C-alpha cells in the first residue's frame, strides 16, 4: 500500500477502523499509557540500531517503521477522542516554531 494520504484522512481512517473493528476507543488515560509503551518500543529499536546497545533475540520481532506507525496510530486515536485536528495543530506548531526559532538554530555555534 504505497499511497499518500493527508493527516486528516489518516485520522479518519483510524476512526473508521476503531468503529468497525475496535469496538470503541480506550479511555484517554489508557491511550496515554499505550502511547508511552509504544514510544518505549520505538526507543528500544533506536537504541539498538543507532546506539550502543546490541539486539537481543526477543528484539527480532520489532520493526522500526512499524513502531513509528504504532506511535502515530495511538497519537491519532488520542487526537480523535479529544477533538484535536492534527492538521491544524501541526500547521500551528510549524508557525510557532518558525516565529520562535527562525534565527535560533542558525546562530547556534554548537550546530
PDB file of N, CA and C in Angstrom:
ATOM      1  N   UNK A   1       0.842  -1.174   0.000  1.00  0.00           N
ATOM      2  CA  UNK A   1       0.000   0.000   0.000  1.00  0.00           C
ATOM      3  C   UNK A   1       0.892   1.243   0.000  1.00  0.00           C
ATOM      4  N   UNK A   2       1.218   1.749  -1.164  1.00  0.00           N
ATOM      5  CA  UNK A   2       2.052   2.939  -1.315  1.00  0.00           C
ATOM      6  C   UNK A   2       1.199   4.094  -1.784  1.00  0.00           C
ATOM      7  N   UNK A   3       0.480   4.701  -0.882  1.00  0.00           N
ATOM      8  CA  UNK A   3      -0.422   5.758  -1.274  1.00  0.00           C
ATOM      9  C   UNK A   3      -0.282   6.909  -0.289  1.00  0.00           C
ATOM     10  N   UNK A   4      -0.204   8.109  -0.833  1.00  0.00           N
ATOM     11  CA  UNK A   4      -0.101   9.279   0.032  1.00  0.00           C
ATOM     12  C   UNK A   4      -1.478   9.640   0.562  1.00  0.00           C
ATOM     13  N   UNK A   5      -1.518   9.995   1.840  1.00  0.00           N
ATOM     14  CA  UNK A   5      -2.767  10.438   2.445  1.00  0.00           C
ATOM     15  C   UNK A   5      -2.477  11.656   3.310  1.00  0.00           C
ATOM     16  N   UNK A   6      -3.487  12.450   3.518  1.00  0.00           N
ATOM     17  CA  UNK A   6      -3.341  13.615   4.380  1.00  0.00           C
ATOM     18  C   UNK A   6      -3.451  13.185   5.839  1.00  0.00           C
ATOM     19  N   UNK A   7      -3.037  14.061   6.715  1.00  0.00           N
ATOM     20  CA  UNK A   7      -3.180  13.776   8.145  1.00  0.00           C
ATOM     21  C   UNK A   7      -4.652  13.606   8.482  1.00  0.00           C
ATOM     22  N   UNK A   8      -5.502  14.465   7.930  1.00  0.00           N
ATOM     23  CA  UNK A   8      -6.949  14.365   8.183  1.00  0.00           C
ATOM     24  C   UNK A   8      -7.504  13.027   7.708  1.00  0.00           C
ATOM     25  N   UNK A   9      -7.070  12.595   6.526  1.00  0.00           N
ATOM     26  CA  UNK A   9      -7.522  11.294   6.022  1.00  0.00           C
ATOM     27  C   UNK A   9      -7.054  10.162   6.936  1.00  0.00           C
ATOM     28  N   UNK A  10      -5.835  10.275   7.424  1.00  0.00           N
ATOM     29  CA  UNK A  10      -5.312   9.240   8.325  1.00  0.00           C
ATOM     30  C   UNK A  10      -6.118   9.214   9.626  1.00  0.00           C
ATOM     31  N   UNK A  11      -6.433  10.397  10.160  1.00  0.00           N
ATOM     32  CA  UNK A  11      -7.247  10.436  11.380  1.00  0.00           C
ATOM     33  C   UNK A  11      -8.599   9.767  11.137  1.00  0.00           C
ATOM     34  N   UNK A  12      -9.190  10.028   9.973  1.00  0.00           N
ATOM     35  CA  UNK A  12     -10.487   9.417   9.658  1.00  0.00           C
ATOM     36  C   UNK A  12     -10.356   7.909   9.492  1.00  0.00           C
ATOM     37  N   UNK A  13      -9.274   7.455   8.863  1.00  0.00           N
ATOM     38  CA  UNK A  13      -9.059   6.016   8.703  1.00  0.00           C
ATOM     39  C   UNK A  13      -8.954   5.328  10.059  1.00  0.00           C
ATOM     40  N   UNK A  14      -8.251   5.955  10.991  1.00  0.00           N
ATOM     41  CA  UNK A  14      -8.128   5.401  12.344  1.00  0.00           C
ATOM     42  C   UNK A  14      -9.512   5.347  12.998  1.00  0.00           C
ATOM     43  N   UNK A  15     -10.264   6.436  12.895  1.00  0.00           N
ATOM     44  CA  UNK A  15     -11.594   6.487  13.495  1.00  0.00           C
ATOM     45  C   UNK A  15     -12.514   5.428  12.891  1.00  0.00           C
ATOM     46  N   UNK A  16     -12.487   5.300  11.574  1.00  0.00           N
ATOM     47  CA  UNK A  16     -13.300   4.280  10.906  1.00  0.00           C
ATOM     48  C   UNK A  16     -12.913   2.883  11.379  1.00  0.00           C
ATOM     49  N   UNK A  17     -11.607   2.627  11.493  1.00  0.00           N
ATOM     50  CA  UNK A  17     -11.132   1.311  11.935  1.00  0.00           C
ATOM     51  C   UNK A  17     -11.601   1.021  13.358  1.00  0.00           C
ATOM     52  N   UNK A  18     -11.463   2.019  14.228  1.00  0.00           N
ATOM     53  CA  UNK A  18     -11.882   1.836  15.629  1.00  0.00           C
ATOM     54  C   UNK A  18     -13.355   1.460  15.689  1.00  0.00           C
ATOM     55  N   UNK A  19     -14.187   2.153  14.941  1.00  0.00           N
ATOM     56  CA  UNK A  19     -15.620   1.876  14.988  1.00  0.00           C
ATOM     57  C   UNK A  19     -16.002   0.572  14.304  1.00  0.00           C
ATOM     58  N   UNK A  20     -15.210   0.132  13.346  1.00  0.00           N
ATOM     59  CA  UNK A  20     -15.506  -1.114  12.643  1.00  0.00           C
ATOM     60  C   UNK A  20     -14.954  -2.339  13.375  1.00  0.00           C
ATOM     61  N   UNK A  21     -13.704  -2.241  13.857  1.00  0.00           N
ATOM     62  CA  UNK A  21     -13.029  -3.400  14.444  1.00  0.00           C
ATOM     63  C   UNK A  21     -12.693  -3.257  15.924  1.00  0.00           C
ATOM     64  N   UNK A  22     -12.542  -2.053  16.384  1.00  0.00           N
ATOM     65  CA  UNK A  22     -12.028  -1.854  17.734  1.00  0.00           C
ATOM     66  C   UNK A  22     -13.080  -1.695  18.812  1.00  0.00           C
ATOM     67  N   UNK A  23     -14.333  -1.739  18.462  1.00  0.00           N
ATOM     68  CA  UNK A  23     -15.477  -1.576  19.358  1.00  0.00           C
ATOM     69  C   UNK A  23     -15.597  -0.129  19.834  1.00  0.00           C
ATOM     70  N   UNK A  24     -14.548   0.393  20.469  1.00  0.00           N
ATOM     71  CA  UNK A  24     -14.529   1.774  20.950  1.00  0.00           C
ATOM     72  C   UNK A  24     -13.091   2.163  21.234  1.00  0.00           C
ATOM     73  N   UNK A  25     -12.872   3.452  21.437  1.00  0.00           N
ATOM     74  CA  UNK A  25     -11.555   3.921  21.849  1.00  0.00           C
ATOM     75  C   UNK A  25     -11.311   3.507  23.300  1.00  0.00           C
ATOM     76  N   UNK A  26     -10.062   3.190  23.623  1.00  0.00           N
ATOM     77  CA  UNK A  26      -9.701   3.077  25.030  1.00  0.00           C
ATOM     78  C   UNK A  26      -9.851   4.461  25.636  1.00  0.00           C
ATOM     79  N   UNK A  27     -10.022   4.537  26.948  1.00  0.00           N
ATOM     80  CA  UNK A  27     -10.135   5.874  27.536  1.00  0.00           C
ATOM     81  C   UNK A  27      -8.816   6.623  27.376  1.00  0.00           C
ATOM     82  N   UNK A  28      -8.884   7.930  27.552  1.00  0.00           N
ATOM     83  CA  UNK A  28      -7.738   8.802  27.274  1.00  0.00           C
ATOM     84  C   UNK A  28      -6.503   8.444  28.088  1.00  0.00           C
ATOM     85  N   UNK A  29      -6.688   8.107  29.356  1.00  0.00           N
ATOM     86  CA  UNK A  29      -5.522   7.759  30.182  1.00  0.00           C
ATOM     87  C   UNK A  29      -4.918   6.427  29.767  1.00  0.00           C
ATOM     88  N   UNK A  30      -5.756   5.486  29.371  1.00  0.00           N
ATOM     89  CA  UNK A  30      -5.227   4.215  28.857  1.00  0.00           C
ATOM     90  C   UNK A  30      -4.439   4.470  27.587  1.00  0.00           C
ATOM     91  N   UNK A  31      -4.969   5.300  26.696  1.00  0.00           N
ATOM     92  CA  UNK A  31      -4.240   5.593  25.465  1.00  0.00           C
ATOM     93  C   UNK A  31      -2.939   6.340  25.745  1.00  0.00           C
ATOM     94  N   UNK A  32      -2.910   7.165  26.776  1.00  0.00           N
ATOM     95  CA  UNK A  32      -1.652   7.825  27.142  1.00  0.00           C
ATOM     96  C   UNK A  32      -0.626   6.779  27.572  1.00  0.00           C
ATOM     97  N   UNK A  33      -1.063   5.795  28.333  1.00  0.00           N
ATOM     98  CA  UNK A  33      -0.163   4.717  28.753  1.00  0.00           C
ATOM     99  C   UNK A  33       0.285   3.884  27.551  1.00  0.00           C
ATOM    100  N   UNK A  34      -0.648   3.604  26.630  1.00  0.00           N
ATOM    101  CA  UNK A  34      -0.306   2.836  25.431  1.00  0.00           C
ATOM    102  C   UNK A  34       0.689   3.615  24.580  1.00  0.00           C
ATOM    103  N   UNK A  35       0.491   4.945  24.449  1.00  0.00           N
ATOM    104  CA  UNK A  35       1.433   5.773  23.693  1.00  0.00           C
ATOM    105  C   UNK A  35       2.826   5.695  24.316  1.00  0.00           C
ATOM    106  N   UNK A  36       2.892   5.766  25.619  1.00  0.00           N
ATOM    107  CA  UNK A  36       4.171   5.673  26.321  1.00  0.00           C
ATOM    108  C   UNK A  36       4.832   4.318  26.060  1.00  0.00           C
ATOM    109  N   UNK A  37       4.034   3.269  26.067  1.00  0.00           N
ATOM    110  CA  UNK A  37       4.547   1.929  25.776  1.00  0.00           C
ATOM    111  C   UNK A  37       5.095   1.855  24.351  1.00  0.00           C
ATOM    112  N   UNK A  38       4.349   2.399  23.401  1.00  0.00           N
ATOM    113  CA  UNK A  38       4.790   2.366  22.001  1.00  0.00           C
ATOM    114  C   UNK A  38       6.053   3.195  21.792  1.00  0.00           C
ATOM    115  N   UNK A  39       6.145   4.345  22.443  1.00  0.00           N
ATOM    116  CA  UNK A  39       7.362   5.157  22.349  1.00  0.00           C
ATOM    117  C   UNK A  39       8.543   4.383  22.946  1.00  0.00           C
ATOM    118  N   UNK A  40       8.299   3.638  24.007  1.00  0.00           N
ATOM    119  CA  UNK A  40       9.350   2.809  24.600  1.00  0.00           C
ATOM    120  C   UNK A  40       9.838   1.740  23.636  1.00  0.00           C
ATOM    121  N   UNK A  41       8.912   1.122  22.901  1.00  0.00           N
ATOM    122  CA  UNK A  41       9.308   0.114  21.910  1.00  0.00           C
ATOM    123  C   UNK A  41      10.114   0.756  20.779  1.00  0.00           C
ATOM    124  N   UNK A  42       9.720   1.948  20.375  1.00  0.00           N
ATOM    125  CA  UNK A  42      10.481   2.681  19.365  1.00  0.00           C
ATOM    126  C   UNK A  42      11.873   3.017  19.902  1.00  0.00           C
ATOM    127  N   UNK A  43      11.937   3.456  21.138  1.00  0.00           N
ATOM    128  CA  UNK A  43      13.225   3.791  21.755  1.00  0.00           C
ATOM    129  C   UNK A  43      14.141   2.563  21.816  1.00  0.00           C
ATOM    130  N   UNK A  44      13.574   1.406  22.086  1.00  0.00           N
ATOM    131  CA  UNK A  44      14.360   0.165  22.134  1.00  0.00           C
ATOM    132  C   UNK A  44      15.041  -0.086  20.793  1.00  0.00           C
ATOM    133  N   UNK A  45      14.286   0.030  19.711  1.00  0.00           N
ATOM    134  CA  UNK A  45      14.853  -0.205  18.381  1.00  0.00           C
ATOM    135  C   UNK A  45      15.882   0.860  18.031  1.00  0.00           C
ATOM    136  N   UNK A  46      15.598   2.109  18.361  1.00  0.00           N
ATOM    137  CA  UNK A  46      16.550   3.190  18.081  1.00  0.00           C
ATOM    138  C   UNK A  46      17.854   2.971  18.844  1.00  0.00           C
ATOM    139  N   UNK A  47      17.751   2.590  20.115  1.00  0.00           N
ATOM    140  CA  UNK A  47      18.946   2.382  20.938  1.00  0.00           C
ATOM    141  C   UNK A  47      19.793   1.230  20.409  1.00  0.00           C
ATOM    142  N   UNK A  48      19.124   0.207  19.887  1.00  0.00           N
ATOM    143  CA  UNK A  48      19.858  -0.951  19.395  1.00  0.00           C
ATOM    144  C   UNK A  48      20.382  -0.733  17.971  1.00  0.00           C
ATOM    145  N   UNK A  49      19.660   0.031  17.176  1.00  0.00           N
ATOM    146  CA  UNK A  49      20.067   0.279  15.797  1.00  0.00           C
ATOM    147  C   UNK A  49      21.109   1.383  15.695  1.00  0.00           C
ATOM    148  N   UNK A  50      20.912   2.457  16.439  1.00  0.00           N
ATOM    149  CA  UNK A  50      21.775   3.641  16.300  1.00  0.00           C
ATOM    150  C   UNK A  50      22.604   3.938  17.542  1.00  0.00           C
ATOM    151  N   UNK A  51      22.300   3.260  18.632  1.00  0.00           N
ATOM    152  CA  UNK A  51      23.037   3.486  19.874  1.00  0.00           C
ATOM    153  C   UNK A  51      24.002   2.362  20.162  1.00  0.00           C
ATOM    154  N   UNK A  52      24.399   2.270  21.388  1.00  0.00           N
ATOM    155  CA  UNK A  52      25.430   1.312  21.798  1.00  0.00           C
ATOM    156  C   UNK A  52      24.889  -0.052  22.199  1.00  0.00           C
ATOM    157  N   UNK A  53      23.583  -0.174  22.365  1.00  0.00           N
ATOM    158  CA  UNK A  53      23.040  -1.463  22.782  1.00  0.00           C
ATOM    159  C   UNK A  53      23.003  -2.434  21.619  1.00  0.00           C
ATOM    160  N   UNK A  54      23.131  -3.720  21.936  1.00  0.00           N
ATOM    161  CA  UNK A  54      23.042  -4.754  20.909  1.00  0.00           C
ATOM    162  C   UNK A  54      21.653  -5.385  20.954  1.00  0.00           C
ATOM    163  N   UNK A  55      21.271  -5.979  19.836  1.00  0.00           N
ATOM    164  CA  UNK A  55      19.977  -6.641  19.755  1.00  0.00           C
ATOM    165  C   UNK A  55      19.986  -7.924  20.556  1.00  0.00           C
ATOM    166  N   UNK A  56      18.839  -8.216  21.153  1.00  0.00           N
ATOM    167  CA  UNK A  56      18.616  -9.486  21.833  1.00  0.00           C
ATOM    168  C   UNK A  56      17.687 -10.319  20.945  1.00  0.00           C
ATOM    169  N   UNK A  57      17.650 -11.601  21.199  1.00  0.00           N
ATOM    170  CA  UNK A  57      16.774 -12.495  20.435  1.00  0.00           C
ATOM    171  C   UNK A  57      15.336 -11.988  20.467  1.00  0.00           C
ATOM    172  N   UNK A  58      14.886 -11.480  21.604  1.00  0.00           N
ATOM    173  CA  UNK A  58      13.499 -11.009  21.742  1.00  0.00           C
ATOM    174  C   UNK A  58      13.228  -9.721  20.960  1.00  0.00           C
ATOM    175  N   UNK A  59      14.278  -9.055  20.486  1.00  0.00           N
ATOM    176  CA  UNK A  59      14.108  -7.819  19.711  1.00  0.00           C
ATOM    177  C   UNK A  59      13.808  -8.085  18.234  1.00  0.00           C
ATOM    178  N   UNK A  60      13.981  -9.331  17.797  1.00  0.00           N
ATOM    179  CA  UNK A  60      13.830  -9.639  16.378  1.00  0.00           C
ATOM    180  C   UNK A  60      12.434  -9.332  15.846  1.00  0.00           C
ATOM    181  N   UNK A  61      11.439  -9.349  16.722  1.00  0.00           N
ATOM    182  CA  UNK A  61      10.066  -9.107  16.280  1.00  0.00           C
ATOM    183  C   UNK A  61       9.787  -7.631  16.009  1.00  0.00           C
ATOM    184  N   UNK A  62      10.664  -6.747  16.452  1.00  0.00           N
ATOM    185  CA  UNK A  62      10.432  -5.313  16.310  1.00  0.00           C
ATOM    186  C   UNK A  62      10.921  -4.807  14.958  1.00  0.00           C
ATOM    187  N   UNK A  63      10.188  -3.849  14.420  1.00  0.00           N
ATOM    188  CA  UNK A  63      10.494  -3.247  13.130  1.00  0.00           C
ATOM    189  C   UNK A  63      10.371  -1.742  13.297  1.00  0.00           C
ATOM    190  N   UNK A  64      11.413  -1.000  12.923  1.00  0.00           N
ATOM    191  CA  UNK A  64      11.451   0.442  13.151  1.00  0.00           C
ATOM    192  C   UNK A  64      10.248   1.158  12.551  1.00  0.00           C
ATOM    193  N   UNK A  65       9.954   0.916  11.284  1.00  0.00           N
ATOM    194  CA  UNK A  65       8.826   1.595  10.633  1.00  0.00           C
ATOM    195  C   UNK A  65       7.506   1.252  11.303  1.00  0.00           C
ATOM    196  N   UNK A  66       7.331  -0.004  11.673  1.00  0.00           N
ATOM    197  CA  UNK A  66       6.099  -0.430  12.324  1.00  0.00           C
ATOM    198  C   UNK A  66       5.949   0.230  13.693  1.00  0.00           C
ATOM    199  N   UNK A  67       7.042   0.355  14.425  1.00  0.00           N
ATOM    200  CA  UNK A  67       6.980   1.001  15.742  1.00  0.00           C
ATOM    201  C   UNK A  67       6.640   2.483  15.603  1.00  0.00           C
ATOM    202  N   UNK A  68       7.195   3.141  14.582  1.00  0.00           N
ATOM    203  CA  UNK A  68       6.830   4.546  14.341  1.00  0.00           C
ATOM    204  C   UNK A  68       5.346   4.656  14.001  1.00  0.00           C
ATOM    205  N   UNK A  69       4.852   3.727  13.179  1.00  0.00           N
ATOM    206  CA  UNK A  69       3.442   3.735  12.812  1.00  0.00           C
ATOM    207  C   UNK A  69       2.552   3.490  14.036  1.00  0.00           C
ATOM    208  N   UNK A  70       2.992   2.633  14.960  1.00  0.00           N
ATOM    209  CA  UNK A  70       2.228   2.398  16.187  1.00  0.00           C
ATOM    210  C   UNK A  70       2.103   3.685  17.003  1.00  0.00           C
ATOM    211  N   UNK A  71       3.197   4.444  17.100  1.00  0.00           N
ATOM    212  CA  UNK A  71       3.168   5.717  17.820  1.00  0.00           C
ATOM    213  C   UNK A  71       2.178   6.668  17.150  1.00  0.00           C
ATOM    214  N   UNK A  72       2.252   6.747  15.836  1.00  0.00           N
ATOM    215  CA  UNK A  72       1.361   7.620  15.078  1.00  0.00           C
ATOM    216  C   UNK A  72      -0.095   7.204  15.256  1.00  0.00           C
ATOM    217  N   UNK A  73      -0.342   5.917  15.219  1.00  0.00           N
ATOM    218  CA  UNK A  73      -1.702   5.375  15.390  1.00  0.00           C
ATOM    219  C   UNK A  73      -2.297   5.819  16.727  1.00  0.00           C
ATOM    220  N   UNK A  74      -1.581   5.591  17.800  1.00  0.00           N
ATOM    221  CA  UNK A  74      -2.115   5.926  19.127  1.00  0.00           C
ATOM    222  C   UNK A  74      -2.272   7.436  19.267  1.00  0.00           C
ATOM    223  N   UNK A  75      -1.338   8.195  18.727  1.00  0.00           N
ATOM    224  CA  UNK A  75      -1.458   9.656  18.768  1.00  0.00           C
ATOM    225  C   UNK A  75      -2.723  10.099  18.034  1.00  0.00           C
ATOM    226  N   UNK A  76      -3.013   9.473  16.902  1.00  0.00           N
ATOM    227  CA  UNK A  76      -4.231   9.810  16.169  1.00  0.00           C
ATOM    228  C   UNK A  76      -5.479   9.390  16.933  1.00  0.00           C
ATOM    229  N   UNK A  77      -5.419   8.275  17.611  1.00  0.00           N
ATOM    230  CA  UNK A  77      -6.543   7.879  18.473  1.00  0.00           C
ATOM    231  C   UNK A  77      -6.804   8.949  19.525  1.00  0.00           C
ATOM    232  N   UNK A  78      -5.742   9.392  20.170  1.00  0.00           N
ATOM    233  CA  UNK A  78      -5.887  10.411  21.211  1.00  0.00           C
ATOM    234  C   UNK A  78      -6.420  11.719  20.635  1.00  0.00           C
ATOM    235  N   UNK A  79      -5.950  12.094  19.463  1.00  0.00           N
ATOM    236  CA  UNK A  79      -6.441  13.317  18.816  1.00  0.00           C
ATOM    237  C   UNK A  79      -7.928  13.180  18.491  1.00  0.00           C
ATOM    238  N   UNK A  80      -8.310  12.049  17.937  1.00  0.00           N
ATOM    239  CA  UNK A  80      -9.717  11.830  17.597  1.00  0.00           C
ATOM    240  C   UNK A  80     -10.615  11.914  18.817  1.00  0.00           C
ATOM    241  N   UNK A  81     -10.220  11.272  19.879  1.00  0.00           N
ATOM    242  CA  UNK A  81     -11.114  11.220  21.027  1.00  0.00           C
ATOM    243  C   UNK A  81     -11.118  12.516  21.832  1.00  0.00           C
ATOM    244  N   UNK A  82     -10.154  13.385  21.613  1.00  0.00           N
ATOM    245  CA  UNK A  82     -10.127  14.667  22.333  1.00  0.00           C
ATOM    246  C   UNK A  82     -10.494  15.840  21.430  1.00  0.00           C
ATOM    247  N   UNK A  83     -10.838  15.550  20.168  1.00  0.00           N
ATOM    248  CA  UNK A  83     -11.287  16.588  19.253  1.00  0.00           C
ATOM    249  C   UNK A  83     -10.182  17.452  18.671  1.00  0.00           C
ATOM    250  N   UNK A  84      -8.963  16.927  18.618  1.00  0.00           N
ATOM    251  CA  UNK A  84      -7.845  17.690  18.054  1.00  0.00           C
ATOM    252  C   UNK A  84      -7.713  17.380  16.565  1.00  0.00           C
ATOM    253  N   UNK A  85      -7.719  18.429  15.758  1.00  0.00           N
ATOM    254  CA  UNK A  85      -7.455  18.316  14.330  1.00  0.00           C
ATOM    255  C   UNK A  85      -5.936  18.404  14.173  1.00  0.00           C
ATOM    256  N   UNK A  86      -5.305  17.276  13.914  1.00  0.00           N
ATOM    257  CA  UNK A  86      -3.841  17.237  13.861  1.00  0.00           C
ATOM    258  C   UNK A  86      -3.272  18.056  12.703  1.00  0.00           C
ATOM    259  N   UNK A  87      -4.011  18.192  11.614  1.00  0.00           N
ATOM    260  CA  UNK A  87      -3.535  19.043  10.519  1.00  0.00           C
ATOM    261  C   UNK A  87      -3.414  20.475  11.004  1.00  0.00           C
ATOM    262  N   UNK A  88      -4.466  20.977  11.614  1.00  0.00           N
ATOM    263  CA  UNK A  88      -4.456  22.346  12.140  1.00  0.00           C
ATOM    264  C   UNK A  88      -3.394  22.505  13.224  1.00  0.00           C
ATOM    265  N   UNK A  89      -3.325  21.532  14.122  1.00  0.00           N
ATOM    266  CA  UNK A  89      -2.342  21.594  15.214  1.00  0.00           C
ATOM    267  C   UNK A  89      -0.922  21.603  14.664  1.00  0.00           C
ATOM    268  N   UNK A  90      -0.668  20.774  13.646  1.00  0.00           N
ATOM    269  CA  UNK A  90       0.668  20.710  13.055  1.00  0.00           C
ATOM    270  C   UNK A  90       1.033  22.026  12.379  1.00  0.00           C
ATOM    271  N   UNK A  91       0.102  22.574  11.606  1.00  0.00           N
ATOM    272  CA  UNK A  91       0.372  23.837  10.923  1.00  0.00           C
ATOM    273  C   UNK A  91       0.613  24.963  11.930  1.00  0.00           C
ATOM    274  N   UNK A  92      -0.168  24.987  12.995  1.00  0.00           N
ATOM    275  CA  UNK A  92       0.041  25.987  14.052  1.00  0.00           C
ATOM    276  C   UNK A  92       1.393  25.789  14.725  1.00  0.00           C
ATOM    277  N   UNK A  93       1.798  24.545  14.886  1.00  0.00           N
ATOM    278  CA  UNK A  93       3.072  24.249  15.522  1.00  0.00           C
ATOM    279  C   UNK A  93       4.243  24.680  14.649  1.00  0.00           C
ATOM    280  N   UNK A  94       4.139  24.441  13.343  1.00  0.00           N
ATOM    281  CA  UNK A  94       5.177  24.898  12.407  1.00  0.00           C
ATOM    282  C   UNK A  94       5.290  26.417  12.466  1.00  0.00           C
ATOM    283  N   UNK A  95       4.148  27.093  12.467  1.00  0.00           N
ATOM    284  CA  UNK A  95       4.135  28.557  12.542  1.00  0.00           C
ATOM    285  C   UNK A  95       4.790  29.041  13.836  1.00  0.00           C
ATOM    286  N   UNK A  96       4.452  28.401  14.946  1.00  0.00           N
ATOM    287  CA  UNK A  96       5.037  28.765  16.237  1.00  0.00           C
ATOM    288  C   UNK A  96       6.551  28.599  16.225  1.00  0.00           C
ATOM    289  N   UNK A  97       7.000  27.460  15.731  1.00  0.00           N
ATOM    290  CA  UNK A  97       8.440  27.186  15.693  1.00  0.00           C
ATOM    291  C   UNK A  97       9.168  28.157  14.757  1.00  0.00           C
ATOM    292  N   UNK A  98       8.540  28.480  13.630  1.00  0.00           N
ATOM    293  CA  UNK A  98       9.156  29.397  12.677  1.00  0.00           C
ATOM    294  C   UNK A  98       9.328  30.779  13.297  1.00  0.00           C
ATOM    295  N   UNK A  99       8.292  31.265  13.951  1.00  0.00           N
ATOM    296  CA  UNK A  99       8.375  32.586  14.586  1.00  0.00           C
ATOM    297  C   UNK A  99       9.391  32.591  15.727  1.00  0.00           C
ATOM    298  N   UNK A 100       9.392  31.549  16.511  1.00  0.00           N
ATOM    299  CA  UNK A 100      10.245  31.480  17.692  1.00  0.00           C
ATOM    300  C   UNK A 100      11.700  31.178  17.351  1.00  0.00           C
ATOM    301  N   UNK A 101      11.922  30.326  16.370  1.00  0.00           N
ATOM    302  CA  UNK A 101      13.259  29.767  16.155  1.00  0.00           C
ATOM    303  C   UNK A 101      13.885  30.123  14.811  1.00  0.00           C
ATOM    304  N   UNK A 102      13.345  31.108  14.110  1.00  0.00           N
ATOM    305  CA  UNK A 102      13.842  31.354  12.754  1.00  0.00           C
ATOM    306  C   UNK A 102      15.331  31.687  12.706  1.00  0.00           C
ATOM    307  N   UNK A 103      15.891  32.236  13.767  1.00  0.00           N
ATOM    308  CA  UNK A 103      17.334  32.527  13.790  1.00  0.00           C
ATOM    309  C   UNK A 103      18.069  31.718  14.853  1.00  0.00           C
ATOM    310  N   UNK A 104      17.328  31.154  15.772  1.00  0.00           N
ATOM    311  CA  UNK A 104      17.934  30.470  16.919  1.00  0.00           C
ATOM    312  C   UNK A 104      18.931  29.395  16.501  1.00  0.00           C
ATOM    313  N   UNK A 105      18.557  28.537  15.618  1.00  0.00           N
ATOM    314  CA  UNK A 105      19.435  27.428  15.229  1.00  0.00           C
ATOM    315  C   UNK A 105      20.544  27.890  14.270  1.00  0.00           C
ATOM    316  N   UNK A 106      20.211  28.832  13.438  1.00  0.00           N
ATOM    317  CA  UNK A 106      21.210  29.362  12.511  1.00  0.00           C
ATOM    318  C   UNK A 106      22.347  30.056  13.272  1.00  0.00           C
ATOM    319  N   UNK A 107      22.016  30.628  14.412  1.00  0.00           N
ATOM    320  CA  UNK A 107      23.022  31.355  15.204  1.00  0.00           C
ATOM    321  C   UNK A 107      23.597  30.501  16.330  1.00  0.00           C
ATOM    322  N   UNK A 108      23.291  29.232  16.350  1.00  0.00           N
ATOM    323  CA  UNK A 108      23.766  28.327  17.391  1.00  0.00           C
ATOM    324  C   UNK A 108      25.148  27.787  16.997  1.00  0.00           C
ATOM    325  N   UNK A 109      26.176  28.217  17.687  1.00  0.00           N
ATOM    326  CA  UNK A 109      27.537  27.788  17.400  1.00  0.00           C
ATOM    327  C   UNK A 109      27.762  26.291  17.636  1.00  0.00           C
ATOM    328  N   UNK A 110      26.882  25.684  18.430  1.00  0.00           N
ATOM    329  CA  UNK A 110      27.003  24.250  18.684  1.00  0.00           C
ATOM    330  C   UNK A 110      26.618  23.424  17.462  1.00  0.00           C
ATOM    331  N   UNK A 111      25.845  24.025  16.587  1.00  0.00           N
ATOM    332  CA  UNK A 111      25.438  23.286  15.382  1.00  0.00           C
ATOM    333  C   UNK A 111      26.409  23.583  14.282  1.00  0.00           C
TER     334      UNK A 111
END
